[in-house]
Amino acid sequence: MLREVLTRDLVATNLSARSKNEVVDELLNMLCSTGKVHDRAVALGDLIENERRTATGMQHGIAIPHTKTAAVDELLACIAVSAQGIDFGSVDRKPSRIFIMTLSPLDQTGPHLRFLSEVGRLLKHRKVRERVLAAKTPDEVLHALLD
C-alpha cells in the first residue's frame, strides 16, 4: 500500500519543524500540495482532535499523526525525517524523528487500517529505521521503505 501512496514529492528529509504542532502543519502542507485535500481547516481540526484522543507518537523515534476526515476522498500519506528529535508524546517517552502522516476518508476503514499496519510492520525493524534516518534524498527514503 505504501508503494501506491508515497511518491518522492511526499517525502521530506529535512523537516524544519521544532514542535508537534509544527510537524502536523508541515506534513499537512505536503498533503495539501497534492490538490487532493478539499479543506485544509477540516483536515487540521480532525488531526488535532485525533491527537487529543490518542497519542500518535509510537516508539523507536516514530510518530504517525493520522485521522479519518471528510476533507479527502482517498487515502493520502507523506513521510518526513527530522535531524533533531521532537517530543510527540511517544509511548517510550523518546523524541520522534520519523513522521508519517495519513489522511483517510471517513467511509473507508480498510485502507486506513492496512496502511497503519504496513507502516508499523516496516518500521519495527531497526535496520529500516536506520536506513530512513540516514537517507539524504526522498528517493533514498523510498528505497529504504520499499525495497
C-alpha atoms as a PDB file:
ATOM      1  CA  MET A   1       0.000   0.000   0.000  1.00  0.00           C
ATOM      2  CA  LEU A   2       2.902   2.383   0.737  1.00  0.00           C
ATOM      3  CA  ARG A   3       4.046   1.908  -2.838  1.00  0.00           C
ATOM      4  CA  GLU A   4       0.720   3.215  -4.137  1.00  0.00           C
ATOM      5  CA  VAL A   5       0.504   6.354  -1.998  1.00  0.00           C
ATOM      6  CA  LEU A   6       4.065   7.550  -1.394  1.00  0.00           C
ATOM      7  CA  THR A   7       5.875   9.438  -4.126  1.00  0.00           C
ATOM      8  CA  ARG A   8       9.100  11.463  -3.942  1.00  0.00           C
ATOM      9  CA  ASP A   9       7.004  14.673  -3.716  1.00  0.00           C
ATOM     10  CA  LEU A  10       5.509  13.347  -0.490  1.00  0.00           C
ATOM     11  CA  VAL A  11       8.839  12.696   1.210  1.00  0.00           C
ATOM     12  CA  ALA A  12      10.953  15.264   3.070  1.00  0.00           C
ATOM     13  CA  THR A  13      14.389  14.583   4.521  1.00  0.00           C
ATOM     14  CA  ASN A  14      14.862  17.983   6.126  1.00  0.00           C
ATOM     15  CA  LEU A  15      11.833  18.685   8.271  1.00  0.00           C
ATOM     16  CA  SER A  16      12.224  22.162   9.740  1.00  0.00           C
ATOM     17  CA  ALA A  17       9.526  21.772  12.427  1.00  0.00           C
ATOM     18  CA  ARG A  18      10.572  22.128  16.061  1.00  0.00           C
ATOM     19  CA  SER A  19       7.316  21.174  17.814  1.00  0.00           C
ATOM     20  CA  LYS A  20       4.473  18.691  17.493  1.00  0.00           C
ATOM     21  CA  ASN A  21       2.131  21.359  16.093  1.00  0.00           C
ATOM     22  CA  GLU A  22       4.732  22.458  13.537  1.00  0.00           C
ATOM     23  CA  VAL A  23       5.224  18.838  12.431  1.00  0.00           C
ATOM     24  CA  VAL A  24       1.480  18.411  11.893  1.00  0.00           C
ATOM     25  CA  ASP A  25       1.323  21.711   9.999  1.00  0.00           C
ATOM     26  CA  GLU A  26       4.314  20.946   7.769  1.00  0.00           C
ATOM     27  CA  LEU A  27       3.155  17.436   6.900  1.00  0.00           C
ATOM     28  CA  LEU A  28      -0.379  18.642   6.227  1.00  0.00           C
ATOM     29  CA  ASN A  29       1.073  21.231   3.828  1.00  0.00           C
ATOM     30  CA  MET A  30       2.790  18.390   1.962  1.00  0.00           C
ATOM     31  CA  LEU A  31      -0.515  16.560   1.606  1.00  0.00           C
ATOM     32  CA  CYS A  32      -2.337  19.748   0.596  1.00  0.00           C
ATOM     33  CA  SER A  33       0.222  20.250  -2.187  1.00  0.00           C
ATOM     34  CA  THR A  34      -1.308  17.214  -3.945  1.00  0.00           C
ATOM     35  CA  GLY A  35      -4.541  19.146  -4.532  1.00  0.00           C
ATOM     36  CA  LYS A  36      -6.444  16.207  -3.008  1.00  0.00           C
ATOM     37  CA  VAL A  37      -7.231  17.819   0.356  1.00  0.00           C
ATOM     38  CA  HIS A  38     -10.538  19.656  -0.159  1.00  0.00           C
ATOM     39  CA  ASP A  39     -10.490  21.625   3.080  1.00  0.00           C
ATOM     40  CA  ARG A  40      -7.240  22.161   4.986  1.00  0.00           C
ATOM     41  CA  ALA A  41      -9.018  23.570   8.049  1.00  0.00           C
ATOM     42  CA  VAL A  42     -11.241  20.493   8.372  1.00  0.00           C
ATOM     43  CA  ALA A  43      -8.265  18.141   7.955  1.00  0.00           C
ATOM     44  CA  LEU A  44      -6.253  20.093  10.548  1.00  0.00           C
ATOM     45  CA  GLY A  45      -9.133  20.082  13.015  1.00  0.00           C
ATOM     46  CA  ASP A  46      -9.571  16.328  12.598  1.00  0.00           C
ATOM     47  CA  LEU A  47      -5.827  15.725  13.060  1.00  0.00           C
ATOM     48  CA  ILE A  48      -5.739  17.844  16.216  1.00  0.00           C
ATOM     49  CA  GLU A  49      -8.815  16.101  17.595  1.00  0.00           C
ATOM     50  CA  ASN A  50      -7.287  12.672  16.934  1.00  0.00           C
ATOM     51  CA  GLU A  51      -4.044  13.746  18.636  1.00  0.00           C
ATOM     52  CA  ARG A  52      -6.094  14.859  21.634  1.00  0.00           C
ATOM     53  CA  ARG A  53      -7.839  11.469  21.825  1.00  0.00           C
ATOM     54  CA  THR A  54      -4.878   9.227  21.056  1.00  0.00           C
ATOM     55  CA  ALA A  55      -1.153   9.891  21.139  1.00  0.00           C
ATOM     56  CA  THR A  56       0.304   9.043  17.745  1.00  0.00           C
ATOM     57  CA  GLY A  57       3.901   9.034  18.945  1.00  0.00           C
ATOM     58  CA  MET A  58       4.863   5.366  18.800  1.00  0.00           C
ATOM     59  CA  GLN A  59       8.248   4.083  19.903  1.00  0.00           C
ATOM     60  CA  HIS A  60      11.702   3.883  18.326  1.00  0.00           C
ATOM     61  CA  GLY A  61      11.533   7.545  17.234  1.00  0.00           C
ATOM     62  CA  ILE A  62       8.415   7.176  15.092  1.00  0.00           C
ATOM     63  CA  ALA A  63       5.218   9.233  15.085  1.00  0.00           C
ATOM     64  CA  ILE A  64       2.217   8.591  12.861  1.00  0.00           C
ATOM     65  CA  PRO A  65      -0.197  11.520  13.022  1.00  0.00           C
ATOM     66  CA  HIS A  66      -3.335  10.335  11.246  1.00  0.00           C
ATOM     67  CA  THR A  67      -7.058  10.791  11.042  1.00  0.00           C
ATOM     68  CA  LYS A  68     -10.161   9.931   9.115  1.00  0.00           C
ATOM     69  CA  THR A  69     -11.637  13.090   7.634  1.00  0.00           C
ATOM     70  CA  ALA A  70     -14.274  14.416   5.245  1.00  0.00           C
ATOM     71  CA  ALA A  71     -11.507  16.567   3.715  1.00  0.00           C
ATOM     72  CA  VAL A  72     -10.255  13.723   1.456  1.00  0.00           C
ATOM     73  CA  ASP A  73     -11.773  11.195  -0.946  1.00  0.00           C
ATOM     74  CA  GLU A  74      -8.849   8.762  -0.889  1.00  0.00           C
ATOM     75  CA  LEU A  75      -6.059   7.764   1.457  1.00  0.00           C
ATOM     76  CA  LEU A  76      -3.161  10.235   1.354  1.00  0.00           C
ATOM     77  CA  ALA A  77       0.188   9.855   3.081  1.00  0.00           C
ATOM     78  CA  CYS A  78       3.546  11.538   3.413  1.00  0.00           C
ATOM     79  CA  ILE A  79       6.751  10.931   5.337  1.00  0.00           C
ATOM     80  CA  ALA A  80       9.319  13.312   6.770  1.00  0.00           C
ATOM     81  CA  VAL A  81      12.532  12.907   8.698  1.00  0.00           C
ATOM     82  CA  SER A  82      13.883  15.394  11.220  1.00  0.00           C
ATOM     83  CA  ALA A  83      17.566  15.793  12.066  1.00  0.00           C
ATOM     84  CA  GLN A  84      16.556  16.530  15.628  1.00  0.00           C
ATOM     85  CA  GLY A  85      14.130  14.637  17.811  1.00  0.00           C
ATOM     86  CA  ILE A  86      10.755  16.242  18.511  1.00  0.00           C
ATOM     87  CA  ASP A  87       8.587  15.418  21.520  1.00  0.00           C
ATOM     88  CA  PHE A  88       5.485  13.710  20.153  1.00  0.00           C
ATOM     89  CA  GLY A  89       4.233  12.142  23.367  1.00  0.00           C
ATOM     90  CA  SER A  90       5.684   8.763  22.410  1.00  0.00           C
ATOM     91  CA  VAL A  91       4.929   5.659  24.414  1.00  0.00           C
ATOM     92  CA  ASP A  92       8.642   5.159  25.138  1.00  0.00           C
ATOM     93  CA  ARG A  93       8.966   8.860  26.084  1.00  0.00           C
ATOM     94  CA  LYS A  94      11.710   9.341  23.493  1.00  0.00           C
ATOM     95  CA  PRO A  95      11.663  12.074  20.838  1.00  0.00           C
ATOM     96  CA  SER A  96      10.483  11.211  17.334  1.00  0.00           C
ATOM     97  CA  ARG A  97      12.500  11.701  14.146  1.00  0.00           C
ATOM     98  CA  ILE A  98      10.459   9.764  11.573  1.00  0.00           C
ATOM     99  CA  PHE A  99       6.983  11.147  10.890  1.00  0.00           C
ATOM    100  CA  ILE A 100       4.345   9.547   8.682  1.00  0.00           C
ATOM    101  CA  MET A 101       1.044  11.337   8.237  1.00  0.00           C
ATOM    102  CA  THR A 102      -2.022   9.805   6.700  1.00  0.00           C
ATOM    103  CA  LEU A 103      -5.491  11.160   5.983  1.00  0.00           C
ATOM    104  CA  SER A 104      -8.272   8.738   5.103  1.00  0.00           C
ATOM    105  CA  PRO A 105     -11.882   9.201   4.015  1.00  0.00           C
ATOM    106  CA  LEU A 106     -14.487   8.763   6.734  1.00  0.00           C
ATOM    107  CA  ASP A 107     -16.232   5.901   4.950  1.00  0.00           C
ATOM    108  CA  GLN A 108     -13.164   3.727   4.236  1.00  0.00           C
ATOM    109  CA  THR A 109     -11.800   1.874   7.255  1.00  0.00           C
ATOM    110  CA  GLY A 110      -9.942  -0.907   5.400  1.00  0.00           C
ATOM    111  CA  PRO A 111      -7.263   1.139   3.596  1.00  0.00           C
ATOM    112  CA  HIS A 112      -6.637   3.230   6.728  1.00  0.00           C
ATOM    113  CA  LEU A 113      -6.008   0.177   8.913  1.00  0.00           C
ATOM    114  CA  ARG A 114      -3.945  -1.612   6.232  1.00  0.00           C
ATOM    115  CA  PHE A 115      -1.723   1.450   5.802  1.00  0.00           C
ATOM    116  CA  LEU A 116      -1.123   1.874   9.555  1.00  0.00           C
ATOM    117  CA  SER A 117      -0.423  -1.846   9.897  1.00  0.00           C
ATOM    118  CA  GLU A 118       2.058  -1.856   6.992  1.00  0.00           C
ATOM    119  CA  VAL A 119       3.912   1.172   8.354  1.00  0.00           C
ATOM    120  CA  GLY A 120       4.081  -0.398  11.805  1.00  0.00           C
ATOM    121  CA  ARG A 121       5.410  -3.687  10.432  1.00  0.00           C
ATOM    122  CA  LEU A 122       8.090  -1.972   8.354  1.00  0.00           C
ATOM    123  CA  LEU A 123       9.358   0.440  10.956  1.00  0.00           C
ATOM    124  CA  LYS A 124       9.578  -2.093  13.765  1.00  0.00           C
ATOM    125  CA  HIS A 125      12.814  -3.238  12.077  1.00  0.00           C
ATOM    126  CA  ARG A 126      15.815  -1.294  13.374  1.00  0.00           C
ATOM    127  CA  LYS A 127      17.680  -1.569  10.049  1.00  0.00           C
ATOM    128  CA  VAL A 128      14.779   0.021   8.138  1.00  0.00           C
ATOM    129  CA  ARG A 129      14.621   2.897  10.639  1.00  0.00           C
ATOM    130  CA  GLU A 130      18.378   3.398  10.404  1.00  0.00           C
ATOM    131  CA  ARG A 131      18.244   3.488   6.595  1.00  0.00           C
ATOM    132  CA  VAL A 132      15.383   6.015   6.663  1.00  0.00           C
ATOM    133  CA  LEU A 133      17.271   8.236   9.127  1.00  0.00           C
ATOM    134  CA  ALA A 134      20.475   8.026   7.071  1.00  0.00           C
ATOM    135  CA  ALA A 135      18.701   8.911   3.812  1.00  0.00           C
ATOM    136  CA  LYS A 136      19.753  12.213   2.241  1.00  0.00           C
ATOM    137  CA  THR A 137      17.134  12.347  -0.526  1.00  0.00           C
ATOM    138  CA  PRO A 138      13.454  11.439  -0.925  1.00  0.00           C
ATOM    139  CA  ASP A 139      14.456   8.626  -3.283  1.00  0.00           C
ATOM    140  CA  GLU A 140      16.737   7.133  -0.615  1.00  0.00           C
ATOM    141  CA  VAL A 141      13.879   7.243   1.935  1.00  0.00           C
ATOM    142  CA  LEU A 142      11.545   5.476  -0.515  1.00  0.00           C
ATOM    143  CA  HIS A 143      14.250   2.916  -1.286  1.00  0.00           C
ATOM    144  CA  ALA A 144      14.735   2.260   2.458  1.00  0.00           C
ATOM    145  CA  LEU A 145      10.989   1.726   2.951  1.00  0.00           C
ATOM    146  CA  LEU A 146      10.004  -0.083  -0.206  1.00  0.00           C
ATOM    147  CA  ASP A 147      12.940  -2.347  -1.087  1.00  0.00           C
END
